[in-house]
Amino acid sequence: MRLVLLLMLLAAPAAAQERPKALVPLYAGQIALQAFDLYSTRRAIELGAVEKNRHADYALQSGTFAAVKVGISAATIATAEVLWRRGRRRDAVLLMIISNGVMVGVAANNAHVLHRLENGQ
């Protein structure tokens, strides 16, 4: 349902101003980074790692981790869309840059942990 709402929001007629060109690639990056976090976290746990984020651990244990990842992506993108539609184009881009930057850090850490686990270190 959230995905449908997000798609409707993205397909809605734009305000008088155009969407900043950077937003769509930033949206794609957000989705890719969240997907990698989902994959790498699950894979690391299969290899014996322990999730240190208690909220993520709870979501993993309850089977809702994928839904949480989708929800985070949808909420972040929807917020950026609202910002640019209200004339706050710079804020929309900054939100996505900061959010993606945080996720790059998470992805890099996960990749490092996976590399160590897969190589028996």
Protein backbone atom coordinates (compact mmCIF):
# COMPACT_ATOMS: atom_id res chain seq x y z
CA MET A 1 0.00 0.00 0.00
CA ARG A 2 2.80 2.43 0.87
CA LEU A 3 4.50 1.69 -2.42
CA VAL A 4 1.28 2.49 -4.29
CA LEU A 5 0.95 5.79 -2.42
CA LEU A 6 4.57 6.64 -3.16
CA LEU A 7 4.10 5.89 -6.86
CA MET A 8 0.95 8.02 -6.93
CA LEU A 9 2.85 10.86 -5.28
CA LEU A 10 5.69 10.61 -7.79
CA ALA A 11 3.26 10.47 -10.73
CA ALA A 12 1.14 13.40 -9.52
CA PRO A 13 1.35 16.57 -11.58
CA ALA A 14 4.37 18.62 -10.59
CA ALA A 15 4.18 22.08 -9.16
CA ALA A 16 5.07 24.99 -11.43
CA GLN A 17 8.76 24.26 -10.84
CA GLU A 18 10.56 21.17 -12.07
CA ARG A 19 11.85 18.45 -9.79
CA PRO A 20 15.57 18.99 -9.17
CA LYS A 21 17.53 16.74 -11.54
CA ALA A 22 19.50 15.25 -8.66
CA LEU A 23 16.45 13.85 -6.87
CA VAL A 24 15.64 10.86 -9.06
CA PRO A 25 19.20 9.44 -8.93
CA LEU A 26 19.24 10.12 -5.19
CA TYR A 27 15.95 8.22 -4.85
CA ALA A 28 17.43 5.30 -6.78
CA GLY A 29 20.49 5.41 -4.55
CA GLN A 30 18.33 5.34 -1.43
CA ILE A 31 16.48 2.25 -2.64
CA ALA A 32 19.70 0.49 -3.68
CA LEU A 33 21.43 1.26 -0.38
CA GLN A 34 18.46 0.05 1.67
CA ALA A 35 18.33 -3.13 -0.43
CA PHE A 36 22.04 -3.73 0.12
CA ASP A 37 21.58 -3.18 3.85
CA LEU A 38 18.80 -5.77 3.87
CA TYR A 39 20.87 -8.31 1.92
CA SER A 40 24.15 -7.73 3.74
CA THR A 41 22.60 -7.75 7.21
CA ARG A 42 20.80 -11.02 6.57
CA ARG A 43 23.88 -12.57 4.99
CA ALA A 44 26.14 -11.50 7.86
CA ILE A 45 23.74 -12.99 10.39
CA GLU A 46 23.70 -16.25 8.41
CA LEU A 47 27.49 -16.26 8.76
CA GLY A 48 27.34 -15.73 12.52
CA ALA A 49 27.37 -11.96 12.99
CA VAL A 50 25.23 -10.32 15.65
CA GLU A 51 23.09 -7.25 14.92
CA LYS A 52 24.13 -4.51 17.33
CA ASN A 53 21.25 -2.14 16.55
CA ARG A 54 18.53 -3.33 18.92
CA HIS A 55 15.73 -1.94 16.74
CA ALA A 56 17.07 -3.69 13.65
CA ASP A 57 17.61 -6.84 15.69
CA TYR A 58 13.98 -6.79 16.80
CA ALA A 59 12.82 -6.30 13.19
CA LEU A 60 15.04 -9.19 12.09
CA GLN A 61 13.73 -11.45 14.85
CA SER A 62 10.10 -10.58 14.14
CA GLY A 63 10.48 -10.97 10.36
CA THR A 64 9.63 -7.35 9.59
CA PHE A 65 13.10 -6.14 8.56
CA ALA A 66 12.26 -5.97 4.83
CA ALA A 67 9.08 -4.00 5.57
CA VAL A 68 11.08 -1.60 7.75
CA LYS A 69 13.60 -1.04 4.93
CA VAL A 70 10.80 -0.38 2.41
CA GLY A 71 9.07 1.94 4.88
CA ILE A 72 12.24 3.93 5.55
CA SER A 73 12.89 4.37 1.83
CA ALA A 74 9.28 5.34 1.12
CA ALA A 75 9.11 7.82 4.00
CA THR A 76 12.40 9.48 3.06
CA ILE A 77 11.48 9.79 -0.61
CA ALA A 78 7.96 11.00 0.18
CA THR A 79 9.34 13.64 2.52
CA ALA A 80 11.75 14.88 -0.17
CA GLU A 81 8.86 15.03 -2.64
CA VAL A 82 6.78 17.11 -0.26
CA LEU A 83 9.70 19.45 0.34
CA TRP A 84 10.34 20.17 -3.33
CA ARG A 85 6.63 20.56 -4.09
CA ARG A 86 6.46 23.19 -1.35
CA GLY A 87 9.29 25.11 -3.00
CA ARG A 88 12.04 23.80 -0.73
CA ARG A 89 14.09 22.24 -3.52
CA ARG A 90 17.44 22.64 -1.77
CA ASP A 91 16.08 21.04 1.41
CA ALA A 92 14.75 18.08 -0.58
CA VAL A 93 18.13 17.47 -2.18
CA LEU A 94 19.97 17.93 1.13
CA LEU A 95 17.65 15.46 2.85
CA MET A 96 18.44 12.84 0.24
CA ILE A 97 22.18 13.54 0.28
CA ILE A 98 22.32 13.23 4.07
CA SER A 99 20.11 10.14 4.14
CA ASN A 100 22.15 8.45 1.41
CA GLY A 101 25.37 9.47 3.15
CA VAL A 102 24.26 7.73 6.32
CA MET A 103 23.32 4.65 4.34
CA VAL A 104 26.70 4.64 2.55
CA GLY A 105 28.30 4.42 5.99
CA VAL A 106 26.01 1.54 6.96
CA ALA A 107 26.70 -0.23 3.66
CA ALA A 108 30.46 0.20 4.02
CA ASN A 109 30.37 -1.23 7.53
CA ASN A 110 28.23 -4.16 6.40
CA ALA A 111 30.54 -4.85 3.46
CA HIS A 112 33.54 -4.82 5.81
CA VAL A 113 31.85 -7.23 8.23
CA LEU A 114 30.81 -9.54 5.38
CA HIS A 115 34.31 -9.53 3.94
CA ARG A 116 35.77 -10.50 7.31
CA LEU A 117 33.19 -13.24 7.87
CA GLU A 118 33.55 -14.71 4.40
CA ASN A 119 37.33 -14.81 4.69
CA GLY A 120 37.34 -16.32 8.19
CA GLN A 121 38.85 -13.29 9.88
